[in-house]
Protein backbone atom coordinates (compact mmCIF):
# COMPACT_ATOMS: atom_id res chain seq x y z
CA MET A 1 -0.36 0.17 -0.07
CA ASP A 2 1.22 3.72 -0.37
CA ARG A 3 0.89 6.49 2.07
CA PRO A 4 -1.64 8.79 1.98
CA ALA A 5 -1.43 12.04 -0.28
CA LYS A 6 -0.43 15.65 1.53
CA ASN A 7 -4.50 16.52 0.65
CA GLU A 8 -5.69 12.90 2.60
CA ILE A 9 -4.19 13.72 5.40
CA LEU A 10 -6.51 14.92 8.75
CA THR A 11 -4.34 15.06 11.35
CA ARG A 12 -0.39 13.41 12.02
CA GLY A 13 0.33 11.80 15.67
CA LYS A 14 3.30 10.76 16.88
CA GLU A 15 2.97 6.94 15.97
CA HIS A 16 -0.16 7.94 13.04
CA LEU A 17 -1.17 9.42 9.88
CA VAL A 18 -4.65 9.68 9.97
CA ALA A 19 -6.94 9.89 6.53
CA LEU A 20 -10.98 9.66 6.21
CA LYS A 21 -11.79 7.33 3.82
CA GLU A 22 -15.24 7.40 3.62
CA THR A 23 -16.68 6.12 6.98
CA ARG A 24 -14.21 4.81 8.38
CA VAL A 25 -11.12 6.57 10.03
CA SER A 26 -7.60 4.88 8.07
CA LYS A 27 -4.29 4.95 10.30
CA TYR A 28 -0.92 4.52 8.66
CA GLN A 29 1.76 3.81 10.90
CA ASP A 30 4.43 6.35 10.02
CA GLY A 31 6.47 6.37 13.89
CA PRO A 32 7.18 3.55 16.02
CA ALA A 33 4.25 1.59 17.77
CA LEU A 34 4.37 1.29 21.50
CA VAL A 35 4.00 -1.62 24.51
CA PRO A 36 3.89 -0.69 27.76
CA ILE A 37 6.35 -2.55 29.90
CA PRO A 38 7.66 -2.47 33.65
CA LYS A 39 10.43 -1.01 34.93
CA GLY A 40 12.08 -0.31 37.86
CA GLY A 41 8.88 -0.68 39.74
CA LYS A 42 7.32 2.19 37.07
CA VAL A 43 5.29 1.62 33.66
CA ALA A 44 7.20 2.26 30.73
CA VAL A 45 6.84 1.87 26.94
CA ARG A 46 9.17 0.37 24.20
CA GLU A 47 8.80 -0.09 20.39
CA ALA A 48 6.19 -2.85 19.88
CA LEU A 49 6.87 -5.82 17.89
CA PRO A 50 4.21 -6.67 15.20
CA ILE A 51 2.86 -8.96 17.11
CA GLU A 52 1.98 -6.46 20.17
CA TYR A 53 0.70 -4.34 18.14
CA LEU A 54 -1.66 -6.47 16.60
CA GLU A 55 -2.70 -7.96 20.28
CA ARG A 56 -2.61 -4.19 20.92
CA LEU A 57 -5.72 -3.66 18.47
CA ASP A 58 -7.69 -6.63 19.88
CA LEU A 59 -7.21 -5.18 23.16
CA GLN A 60 -8.56 -2.55 22.37
CA ASN A 61 -11.55 -3.87 19.66
CA GLU A 62 -12.08 -6.14 23.52
CA PHE A 63 -12.60 -3.50 26.08
CA PHE A 64 -13.45 -0.69 24.41
CA GLY A 65 -15.86 -1.92 21.71
CA ASP A 66 -13.75 -0.46 18.75
CA ASP A 67 -14.00 -2.42 15.28
CA LEU A 68 -10.53 -1.51 14.21
CA ARG A 69 -8.95 -3.89 11.29
CA VAL A 70 -5.58 -3.93 9.50
CA GLU A 71 -6.08 -2.99 6.30
CA GLY A 72 -2.84 -3.30 4.27
CA VAL A 73 1.47 -3.46 4.62
CA LEU A 74 3.25 -0.06 3.87
CA LYS A 75 6.17 -0.47 1.51
CA SER A 76 8.17 0.58 4.64
CA GLY A 77 6.56 -2.34 6.54
CA LYS A 78 4.66 -0.58 8.87
CA LEU A 79 0.61 -0.96 8.66
CA VAL A 80 -2.77 0.69 7.93
CA THR A 81 -5.67 -0.11 10.22
CA SER A 82 -8.51 1.62 10.38
CA GLN A 83 -11.85 1.93 12.34
CA THR A 84 -15.50 2.96 11.84
CA LEU A 85 -15.46 7.55 12.10
CA VAL A 86 -17.11 8.74 15.45
CA LYS A 87 -18.04 12.04 14.88
CA GLY A 88 -18.66 13.99 18.35
CA SER A 89 -16.86 16.57 20.37
CA GLN A 90 -13.90 15.79 23.53
CA PRO A 91 -15.08 14.71 26.80
CA THR A 92 -13.59 17.05 29.17
CA GLY A 93 -11.10 15.32 31.76
CA LYS A 94 -13.83 14.55 34.20
CA GLU A 95 -16.09 12.85 31.79
CA MET A 96 -12.83 10.90 30.21
CA THR A 97 -12.17 9.69 34.14
CA GLY A 98 -15.43 8.51 34.88
CA MET A 99 -15.99 6.78 31.67
CA LEU A 100 -12.87 4.80 32.33
CA LYS A 101 -13.60 4.35 35.91
CA ASP A 102 -16.89 2.80 35.36
CA LEU A 103 -14.96 -0.11 32.93
CA GLY A 104 -13.20 -0.85 35.78
CA TRP A 105 -9.93 1.56 34.92
CA VAL A 106 -7.76 2.68 37.81
CA ARG A 107 -4.99 5.68 36.54
CA ILE A 108 -1.38 4.61 37.53
CA PRO A 109 -0.08 7.18 39.56
CA ALA A 110 2.14 9.73 37.84
CA ASN A 111 5.07 8.97 40.29
CA LEU A 112 4.94 5.42 38.89
CA HIS A 113 5.47 6.41 35.47
CA ASP A 114 8.11 6.28 33.13
CA LEU A 115 7.49 7.89 30.33
CA PRO A 116 7.94 10.28 27.12
CA HIS A 117 6.67 13.59 28.24
CA ASN A 118 4.01 13.42 25.80
CA LEU A 119 2.38 10.68 27.97
CA MET A 120 2.73 11.34 31.16
CA ALA A 121 -0.11 10.88 33.36
CA THR A 122 -1.89 9.12 30.58
CA ALA A 123 -1.60 5.02 32.30
CA TRP A 124 -4.67 3.35 33.48
CA MET A 125 -4.29 0.03 34.57
CA HIS A 126 -6.83 -3.19 34.18
CA PRO A 127 -6.62 -4.51 37.36
CA GLY A 128 -8.66 -7.65 36.90
CA GLU A 129 -7.37 -7.86 33.73
CA GLU A 130 -3.63 -7.30 34.71
CA ILE A 131 -4.06 -4.75 31.58
CA VAL A 132 -1.97 -1.26 31.13
CA LEU A 133 -3.08 1.28 28.98
CA VAL A 134 -1.08 4.46 28.03
CA ASP A 135 -1.90 7.19 26.00
CA ALA A 136 -5.79 7.80 27.64
CA ARG A 137 -6.12 11.56 26.57
CA ILE A 138 -8.71 14.04 25.68
CA PRO A 139 -8.05 14.36 21.85
CA ASN A 140 -7.85 10.27 22.17
CA LEU A 141 -11.93 10.49 22.78
CA LYS A 142 -14.63 11.44 21.21
CA ARG A 143 -17.92 11.93 23.75
CA HIS A 144 -20.79 10.63 20.71
CA ARG A 145 -24.62 10.82 21.97
CA ALA A 146 -24.39 11.21 25.36
CA ALA A 147 -22.22 8.22 25.22
CA MET A 148 -18.19 8.00 25.18
CA CYS A 149 -15.98 6.92 22.75
CA TRP A 150 -12.49 5.55 21.64
CA GLN A 151 -11.11 7.40 18.28
CA LEU A 152 -7.93 6.99 19.27
CA ILE A 153 -5.45 9.28 16.99
C-alpha cells in the first residue's frame, strides 16, 4: 500500500498519519508503535513488535468496543489500520476519568510512570485483567450521543 496523499491527511500523531476513507478513519503507521512494559517498578514503554501491536489492537476492540482492523502493509513494512469514524466532540477530563473508572480502569499515579513527556499521566491499569493502557488523553476520545467512544488517533 502507499501512504496517503498530503491532501488526504486529516491529522498526524506521533504514531500515525490519519486519513478519512468514506465512513472509516484510516491510520497509517508513521512512527514507532509503543507497548507498555514494567521498568524498575514503574510503567515505561518500548517499541512494540508487530505481533504486540496487533495484540493491542485486539485489546482495544475487546475493551472499548472498537472495530479496528488491519487494511494492509506499507512498502516500509508499517501497518495500515482503520476504524469506524466517530463524529462527536471531545469530552472533559472529568468525563474521560469517569468513563474509564466505570469500565474498571484505575489511574496509575504519575510518580509510577517512566514515560516520554507526551505520555506522562496517561497510564491506567485494569486490575482484573492485568492490562495497562497508555495514551488515555482527551484528544483520543470522542463524545457521541451522550456516550463516550474511543477514537484513538
